[in-house]
C-alpha atoms as a PDB file:
ATOM      1  CA  UNK A   1       0.000  -0.019   0.001  1.00  0.00           C
ATOM      2  CA  UNK A   2       2.856   2.312   0.897  1.00  0.00           C
ATOM      3  CA  UNK A   3       4.599   1.532  -2.390  1.00  0.00           C
ATOM      4  CA  UNK A   4       1.497   2.405  -4.408  1.00  0.00           C
ATOM      5  CA  UNK A   5       1.178   5.760  -2.612  1.00  0.00           C
ATOM      6  CA  UNK A   6       4.791   6.564  -3.319  1.00  0.00           C
ATOM      7  CA  UNK A   7       4.321   5.667  -7.012  1.00  0.00           C
ATOM      8  CA  UNK A   8       1.142   7.805  -7.233  1.00  0.00           C
ATOM      9  CA  UNK A   9       2.910  10.717  -5.588  1.00  0.00           C
ATOM     10  CA  UNK A  10       5.861  10.458  -7.975  1.00  0.00           C
ATOM     11  CA  UNK A  11       3.539  10.396 -10.967  1.00  0.00           C
ATOM     12  CA  UNK A  12       1.779  13.500  -9.757  1.00  0.00           C
ATOM     13  CA  UNK A  13       5.064  15.304  -9.353  1.00  0.00           C
ATOM     14  CA  UNK A  14       6.097  14.420 -12.912  1.00  0.00           C
ATOM     15  CA  UNK A  15       2.727  15.558 -14.294  1.00  0.00           C
ATOM     16  CA  UNK A  16       3.000  18.794 -12.347  1.00  0.00           C
ATOM     17  CA  UNK A  17       6.563  19.369 -13.699  1.00  0.00           C
ATOM     18  CA  UNK A  18       5.422  18.719 -17.352  1.00  0.00           C
ATOM     19  CA  UNK A  19       2.435  21.076 -16.892  1.00  0.00           C
ATOM     20  CA  UNK A  20       4.825  23.760 -15.693  1.00  0.00           C
ATOM     21  CA  UNK A  21       6.913  23.337 -18.821  1.00  0.00           C
ATOM     22  CA  UNK A  22       3.820  23.610 -21.040  1.00  0.00           C
ATOM     23  CA  UNK A  23       2.573  26.706 -19.272  1.00  0.00           C
ATOM     24  CA  UNK A  24       5.969  28.399 -19.516  1.00  0.00           C
ATOM     25  CA  UNK A  25       6.152  27.561 -23.241  1.00  0.00           C
ATOM     26  CA  UNK A  26       2.728  29.040 -23.845  1.00  0.00           C
ATOM     27  CA  UNK A  27       3.665  32.124 -21.914  1.00  0.00           C
ATOM     28  CA  UNK A  28       6.839  32.569 -24.057  1.00  0.00           C
ATOM     29  CA  UNK A  29       4.856  32.011 -27.313  1.00  0.00           C
ATOM     30  CA  UNK A  30       2.299  34.597 -26.224  1.00  0.00           C
ATOM     31  CA  UNK A  31       5.062  37.090 -25.546  1.00  0.00           C
ATOM     32  CA  UNK A  32       6.625  36.463 -29.009  1.00  0.00           C
ATOM     33  CA  UNK A  33       3.227  36.841 -30.692  1.00  0.00           C
ATOM     34  CA  UNK A  34       2.565  40.011 -28.829  1.00  0.00           C
ATOM     35  CA  UNK A  35       5.986  41.464 -29.827  1.00  0.00           C
ATOM     36  CA  UNK A  36       5.231  40.615 -33.527  1.00  0.00           C
ATOM     37  CA  UNK A  37       1.840  42.258 -33.278  1.00  0.00           C
ATOM     38  CA  UNK A  38       3.428  45.384 -31.800  1.00  0.00           C
ATOM     39  CA  UNK A  39       5.940  45.554 -34.663  1.00  0.00           C
ATOM     40  CA  UNK A  40       3.221  45.088 -37.218  1.00  0.00           C
ATOM     41  CA  UNK A  41       1.085  47.783 -35.654  1.00  0.00           C
ATOM     42  CA  UNK A  42       4.083  50.111 -35.551  1.00  0.00           C
ATOM     43  CA  UNK A  43       4.850  49.501 -39.253  1.00  0.00           C
ATOM     44  CA  UNK A  44       1.183  49.979 -40.225  1.00  0.00           C
ATOM     45  CA  UNK A  45       1.029  53.256 -38.295  1.00  0.00           C
ATOM     46  CA  UNK A  46       4.258  54.435 -40.008  1.00  0.00           C
ATOM     47  CA  UNK A  47       2.870  53.440 -43.448  1.00  0.00           C
ATOM     48  CA  UNK A  48      -0.457  55.138 -42.915  1.00  0.00           C
ATOM     49  CA  UNK A  49       1.293  58.200 -41.647  1.00  0.00           C
ATOM     50  CA  UNK A  50       3.290  58.695 -44.859  1.00  0.00           C
ATOM     51  CA  UNK A  51       3.609  62.169 -46.069  1.00  0.00           C
ATOM     52  CA  UNK A  52       1.476  62.905 -49.206  1.00  0.00           C
ATOM     53  CA  UNK A  53       4.539  64.395 -50.814  1.00  0.00           C
ATOM     54  CA  UNK A  54       6.341  61.060 -50.429  1.00  0.00           C
ATOM     55  CA  UNK A  55       3.437  59.168 -51.938  1.00  0.00           C
ATOM     56  CA  UNK A  56       3.321  61.687 -54.821  1.00  0.00           C
ATOM     57  CA  UNK A  57       7.065  61.197 -55.466  1.00  0.00           C
ATOM     58  CA  UNK A  58       6.712  57.413 -55.481  1.00  0.00           C
ATOM     59  CA  UNK A  59       3.857  57.637 -58.049  1.00  0.00           C
ATOM     60  CA  UNK A  60       5.759  60.075 -60.169  1.00  0.00           C
ATOM     61  CA  UNK A  61       8.862  57.899 -60.101  1.00  0.00           C
ATOM     62  CA  UNK A  62       6.851  54.793 -61.174  1.00  0.00           C
ATOM     63  CA  UNK A  63       5.119  56.807 -63.924  1.00  0.00           C
ATOM     64  CA  UNK A  64       8.453  58.172 -65.209  1.00  0.00           C
ATOM     65  CA  UNK A  65       9.895  54.632 -65.336  1.00  0.00           C
ATOM     66  CA  UNK A  66       6.855  53.359 -67.203  1.00  0.00           C
ATOM     67  CA  UNK A  67       7.002  56.226 -69.735  1.00  0.00           C
ATOM     68  CA  UNK A  68      10.715  55.657 -70.253  1.00  0.00           C
ATOM     69  CA  UNK A  69      10.099  51.962 -70.870  1.00  0.00           C
ATOM     70  CA  UNK A  70       7.329  52.726 -73.402  1.00  0.00           C
ATOM     71  CA  UNK A  71       9.404  55.197 -75.249  1.00  0.00           C
ATOM     72  CA  UNK A  72      12.322  52.765 -75.454  1.00  0.00           C
ATOM     73  CA  UNK A  73      10.021  50.046 -76.670  1.00  0.00           C
ATOM     74  CA  UNK A  74       8.494  52.445 -79.244  1.00  0.00           C
ATOM     75  CA  UNK A  75      11.876  53.402 -80.650  1.00  0.00           C
ATOM     76  CA  UNK A  76      13.128  49.864 -80.716  1.00  0.00           C
ATOM     77  CA  UNK A  77      10.039  48.748 -82.672  1.00  0.00           C
ATOM     78  CA  UNK A  78      10.496  51.521 -85.223  1.00  0.00           C
ATOM     79  CA  UNK A  79      14.171  50.564 -85.679  1.00  0.00           C
ATOM     80  CA  UNK A  80      13.285  46.894 -85.980  1.00  0.00           C
ATOM     81  CA  UNK A  81      10.542  47.673 -88.571  1.00  0.00           C
ATOM     82  CA  UNK A  82      12.996  49.694 -90.699  1.00  0.00           C
ATOM     83  CA  UNK A  83      15.574  46.947 -90.643  1.00  0.00           C
ATOM     84  CA  UNK A  84      13.087  44.189 -91.405  1.00  0.00           C
ATOM     85  CA  UNK A  85      11.483  46.146 -94.248  1.00  0.00           C
ATOM     86  CA  UNK A  86      14.868  46.907 -95.747  1.00  0.00           C
ATOM     87  CA  UNK A  87      15.712  43.190 -95.761  1.00  0.00           C
ATOM     88  CA  UNK A  88      12.421  42.287 -97.463  1.00  0.00           C
ATOM     89  CA  UNK A  89      11.772  45.055-100.016  1.00  0.00           C
ATOM     90  CA  UNK A  90      13.763  47.239-102.404  1.00  0.00           C
ATOM     91  CA  UNK A  91      11.036  49.873-102.578  1.00  0.00           C
ATOM     92  CA  UNK A  92      11.860  52.956-100.440  1.00  0.00           C
ATOM     93  CA  UNK A  93       8.205  54.033-100.321  1.00  0.00           C
ATOM     94  CA  UNK A  94       7.108  50.774 -98.733  1.00  0.00           C
ATOM     95  CA  UNK A  95       9.851  51.085 -96.095  1.00  0.00           C
ATOM     96  CA  UNK A  96       8.842  54.605 -95.171  1.00  0.00           C
ATOM     97  CA  UNK A  97       5.138  53.567 -95.047  1.00  0.00           C
ATOM     98  CA  UNK A  98       5.919  50.662 -92.729  1.00  0.00           C
ATOM     99  CA  UNK A  99       7.882  52.879 -90.396  1.00  0.00           C
ATOM    100  CA  UNK A 100       5.112  55.532 -90.337  1.00  0.00           C
ATOM    101  CA  UNK A 101       2.463  52.907 -89.519  1.00  0.00           C
ATOM    102  CA  UNK A 102       4.491  51.523 -86.569  1.00  0.00           C
ATOM    103  CA  UNK A 103       5.359  55.067 -85.356  1.00  0.00           C
ATOM    104  CA  UNK A 104       1.750  56.198 -85.389  1.00  0.00           C
ATOM    105  CA  UNK A 105      -0.071  53.047 -84.192  1.00  0.00           C
ATOM    106  CA  UNK A 106       2.629  51.549 -81.970  1.00  0.00           C
ATOM    107  CA  UNK A 107       1.726  47.898 -81.108  1.00  0.00           C
ATOM    108  CA  UNK A 108      -1.266  47.678 -83.473  1.00  0.00           C
ATOM    109  CA  UNK A 109       0.985  49.082 -86.208  1.00  0.00           C
ATOM    110  CA  UNK A 110       3.461  46.212 -85.589  1.00  0.00           C
ATOM    111  CA  UNK A 111       0.600  43.699 -85.989  1.00  0.00           C
ATOM    112  CA  UNK A 112      -0.484  45.363 -89.259  1.00  0.00           C
ATOM    113  CA  UNK A 113       3.149  45.323 -90.631  1.00  0.00           C
ATOM    114  CA  UNK A 114       3.560  41.630 -89.702  1.00  0.00           C
ATOM    115  CA  UNK A 115       0.411  40.855 -91.718  1.00  0.00           C
ATOM    116  CA  UNK A 116       1.341  42.967 -94.799  1.00  0.00           C
ATOM    117  CA  UNK A 117       5.085  42.372 -95.076  1.00  0.00           C
ATOM    118  CA  UNK A 118       6.512  40.028 -97.715  1.00  0.00           C
ATOM    119  CA  UNK A 119       6.877  36.423 -96.655  1.00  0.00           C
ATOM    120  CA  UNK A 120      10.492  35.941 -97.802  1.00  0.00           C
ATOM    121  CA  UNK A 121      13.505  38.209 -97.394  1.00  0.00           C
ATOM    122  CA  UNK A 122      15.631  39.318-100.335  1.00  0.00           C
ATOM    123  CA  UNK A 123      18.282  36.795 -99.410  1.00  0.00           C
ATOM    124  CA  UNK A 124      15.748  33.952 -99.282  1.00  0.00           C
ATOM    125  CA  UNK A 125      14.375  34.984-102.683  1.00  0.00           C
ATOM    126  CA  UNK A 126      17.884  35.140-104.155  1.00  0.00           C
ATOM    127  CA  UNK A 127      18.706  31.620-102.862  1.00  0.00           C
ATOM    128  CA  UNK A 128      15.415  30.315-104.195  1.00  0.00           C
ATOM    129  CA  UNK A 129      16.117  31.904-107.615  1.00  0.00           C
ATOM    130  CA  UNK A 130      19.559  30.232-107.694  1.00  0.00           C
ATOM    131  CA  UNK A 131      18.050  26.860-106.849  1.00  0.00           C
ATOM    132  CA  UNK A 132      15.434  27.181-109.575  1.00  0.00           C
ATOM    133  CA  UNK A 133      18.037  28.220-112.165  1.00  0.00           C
ATOM    134  CA  UNK A 134      20.284  25.325-111.214  1.00  0.00           C
ATOM    135  CA  UNK A 135      17.350  22.923-111.517  1.00  0.00           C
ATOM    136  CA  UNK A 136      16.329  24.292-114.921  1.00  0.00           C
ATOM    137  CA  UNK A 137      19.901  24.167-116.139  1.00  0.00           C
ATOM    138  CA  UNK A 138      20.238  20.538-115.083  1.00  0.00           C
ATOM    139  CA  UNK A 139      17.028  19.703-116.895  1.00  0.00           C
ATOM    140  CA  UNK A 140      17.775  21.608-120.110  1.00  0.00           C
ATOM    141  CA  UNK A 141      21.404  20.763-120.524  1.00  0.00           C
ATOM    142  CA  UNK A 142      21.942  17.952-123.070  1.00  0.00           C
ATOM    143  CA  UNK A 143      23.945  14.949-121.986  1.00  0.00           C
ATOM    144  CA  UNK A 144      27.684  14.830-122.757  1.00  0.00           C
ATOM    145  CA  UNK A 145      30.008  11.995-123.543  1.00  0.00           C
ATOM    146  CA  UNK A 146      32.053  10.792-120.605  1.00  0.00           C
ATOM    147  CA  UNK A 147      34.992  10.202-122.887  1.00  0.00           C
ATOM    148  CA  UNK A 148      35.376  13.336-124.908  1.00  0.00           C
ATOM    149  CA  UNK A 149      32.847  15.701-123.211  1.00  0.00           C
ATOM    150  CA  UNK A 150      30.910  16.515-126.389  1.00  0.00           C
ATOM    151  CA  UNK A 151      27.184  16.650-126.607  1.00  0.00           C
ATOM    152  CA  UNK A 152      25.409  13.434-127.410  1.00  0.00           C
ATOM    153  CA  UNK A 153      21.864  12.209-127.907  1.00  0.00           C
ATOM    154  CA  UNK A 154      19.872   9.827-125.729  1.00  0.00           C
ATOM    155  CA  UNK A 155      19.380   7.339-128.560  1.00  0.00           C
ATOM    156  CA  UNK A 156      23.080   6.883-129.289  1.00  0.00           C
ATOM    157  CA  UNK A 157      24.861   3.677-128.292  1.00  0.00           C
ATOM    158  CA  UNK A 158      28.361   4.861-129.177  1.00  0.00           C
ATOM    159  CA  UNK A 159      29.887   8.324-129.276  1.00  0.00           C
ATOM    160  CA  UNK A 160      30.655   9.184-132.910  1.00  0.00           C
ATOM    161  CA  UNK A 161      33.730  11.207-131.878  1.00  0.00           C
ATOM    162  CA  UNK A 162      35.665   8.958-129.507  1.00  0.00           C
ATOM    163  CA  UNK A 163      33.694   5.729-129.979  1.00  0.00           C
ATOM    164  CA  UNK A 164      32.976   5.440-126.240  1.00  0.00           C
ATOM    165  CA  UNK A 165      30.204   2.980-125.449  1.00  0.00           C
ATOM    166  CA  UNK A 166      27.281   4.960-124.029  1.00  0.00           C
ATOM    167  CA  UNK A 167      24.433   2.423-123.722  1.00  0.00           C
ATOM    168  CA  UNK A 168      23.616  -1.209-124.269  1.00  0.00           C
ATOM    169  CA  UNK A 169      20.558  -2.949-125.738  1.00  0.00           C
ATOM    170  CA  UNK A 170      18.415  -5.522-124.090  1.00  0.00           C
ATOM    171  CA  UNK A 171      18.838  -8.907-125.742  1.00  0.00           C
ATOM    172  CA  UNK A 172      15.123  -9.624-125.197  1.00  0.00           C
ATOM    173  CA  UNK A 173      13.249  -6.420-126.240  1.00  0.00           C
ATOM    174  CA  UNK A 174      16.091  -4.594-128.025  1.00  0.00           C
ATOM    175  CA  UNK A 175      15.477  -1.397-126.116  1.00  0.00           C
ATOM    176  CA  UNK A 176      18.389   0.721-124.887  1.00  0.00           C
ATOM    177  CA  UNK A 177      19.559   0.476-121.301  1.00  0.00           C
ATOM    178  CA  UNK A 178      22.203   2.275-119.266  1.00  0.00           C
ATOM    179  CA  UNK A 179      25.525   0.506-118.912  1.00  0.00           C
ATOM    180  CA  UNK A 180      25.112   0.214-115.161  1.00  0.00           C
ATOM    181  CA  UNK A 181      21.676  -1.435-115.301  1.00  0.00           C
ATOM    182  CA  UNK A 182      21.623  -5.132-114.500  1.00  0.00           C
ATOM    183  CA  UNK A 183      18.009  -5.671-115.566  1.00  0.00           C
ATOM    184  CA  UNK A 184      15.875  -4.273-118.319  1.00  0.00           C
ATOM    185  CA  UNK A 185      13.216  -1.858-117.006  1.00  0.00           C
ATOM    186  CA  UNK A 186      10.988  -2.461-120.015  1.00  0.00           C
ATOM    187  CA  UNK A 187      10.690  -6.238-120.073  1.00  0.00           C
ATOM    188  CA  UNK A 188      12.327  -7.233-116.797  1.00  0.00           C
ATOM    189  CA  UNK A 189      14.964  -9.443-118.404  1.00  0.00           C
ATOM    190  CA  UNK A 190      18.270  -9.633-116.475  1.00  0.00           C
ATOM    191  CA  UNK A 191      21.358  -8.508-118.297  1.00  0.00           C
ATOM    192  CA  UNK A 192      23.733 -11.253-119.495  1.00  0.00           C
ATOM    193  CA  UNK A 193      26.078 -12.354-116.725  1.00  0.00           C
ATOM    194  CA  UNK A 194      23.779 -11.217-113.911  1.00  0.00           C
ATOM    195  CA  UNK A 195      22.916 -13.726-111.136  1.00  0.00           C
ATOM    196  CA  UNK A 196      19.275 -14.582-111.312  1.00  0.00           C
ATOM    197  CA  UNK A 197      17.499 -15.369-108.004  1.00  0.00           C
ATOM    198  CA  UNK A 198      13.992 -16.454-107.020  1.00  0.00           C
ATOM    199  CA  UNK A 199      13.377 -18.215-110.364  1.00  0.00           C
ATOM    200  CA  UNK A 200      10.618 -20.686-110.949  1.00  0.00           C
ATOM    201  CA  UNK A 201      11.036 -24.018-112.799  1.00  0.00           C
ATOM    202  CA  UNK A 202       9.588 -22.481-115.979  1.00  0.00           C
ATOM    203  CA  UNK A 203      12.156 -19.656-115.889  1.00  0.00           C
ATOM    204  CA  UNK A 204      15.007 -22.115-115.445  1.00  0.00           C
ATOM    205  CA  UNK A 205      13.960 -24.363-118.295  1.00  0.00           C
ATOM    206  CA  UNK A 206      13.162 -21.455-120.668  1.00  0.00           C
ATOM    207  CA  UNK A 207      15.981 -21.017-123.190  1.00  0.00           C
ATOM    208  CA  UNK A 208      17.892 -17.790-123.088  1.00  0.00           C
ATOM    209  CA  UNK A 209      17.449 -15.773-126.222  1.00  0.00           C
ATOM    210  CA  UNK A 210      20.611 -15.390-128.261  1.00  0.00           C
ATOM    211  CA  UNK A 211      21.287 -12.399-130.337  1.00  0.00           C
ATOM    212  CA  UNK A 212      21.035 -13.172-134.017  1.00  0.00           C
ATOM    213  CA  UNK A 213      24.107 -12.118-136.028  1.00  0.00           C
ATOM    214  CA  UNK A 214      23.694  -9.512-138.679  1.00  0.00           C
ATOM    215  CA  UNK A 215      23.202 -10.982-142.144  1.00  0.00           C
ATOM    216  CA  UNK A 216      26.338 -10.881-144.364  1.00  0.00           C
ATOM    217  CA  UNK A 217      26.493  -8.521-147.264  1.00  0.00           C
ATOM    218  CA  UNK A 218      25.328 -10.010-150.563  1.00  0.00           C
ATOM    219  CA  UNK A 219      28.074 -10.382-153.205  1.00  0.00           C
ATOM    220  CA  UNK A 220      27.994  -7.907-156.054  1.00  0.00           C
ATOM    221  CA  UNK A 221      28.514  -9.193-159.519  1.00  0.00           C
ATOM    222  CA  UNK A 222      30.965  -7.753-162.062  1.00  0.00           C
ATOM    223  CA  UNK A 223      28.096  -6.739-164.383  1.00  0.00           C
ATOM    224  CA  UNK A 224      26.446  -4.632-161.671  1.00  0.00           C
ATOM    225  CA  UNK A 225      29.777  -2.896-160.950  1.00  0.00           C
ATOM    226  CA  UNK A 226      30.226  -2.097-164.668  1.00  0.00           C
ATOM    227  CA  UNK A 227      26.609  -0.764-164.896  1.00  0.00           C
ATOM    228  CA  UNK A 228      27.243   1.524-161.955  1.00  0.00           C
ATOM    229  CA  UNK A 229      30.495   2.839-163.447  1.00  0.00           C
ATOM    230  CA  UNK A 230      28.912   3.369-166.864  1.00  0.00           C
ATOM    231  CA  UNK A 231      25.927   5.199-165.432  1.00  0.00           C
ATOM    232  CA  UNK A 232      26.067   9.063-165.896  1.00  0.00           C
END
């Protein structure tokens, strides 16, 4: 019984000690909050007690800064419009008109200029013209012989100047092919010497066409030669 009373007394002492700590902490927190509130009230009183001249100076300073920014933006947009119009048009009147529109209308004038300005710059148009001329020149230029560099025609097999072989004929359809082609694009026949793959049994057993030799010239009799010589 005595032990239980001692334990109960010790517990009460500990609880009392913890409650003292909590109360002291709340008291300190209240003091801190009260000091913060006093500082806030002092700042608010100082702010509300500002001199009207000070407020006027602040407003005038902000207004001057805003006006300076707008003027700088206006001048920069005018300069940018002049440079952009000069890079897109050779007409001085259109440049002056673009600058006047931006100078008078400010931001709406920039929107109007962006809508009406040419899509490409002069440099882009020049590059595009060069590409078109190069394409037309490559289309219109006739082919040349790789041996002598003279102009040739598409239907020639040999160059008449240097006798360079230009094309070959298909042994199946007799149409002309490039020398680098391994198969005829007209009839689908592989070129001689090309490895043939994925062939069926009919293709294997089909005989390969052989080029027929040109017929020999017919002999001319002595009488025909004398008739030709005696003819006026």
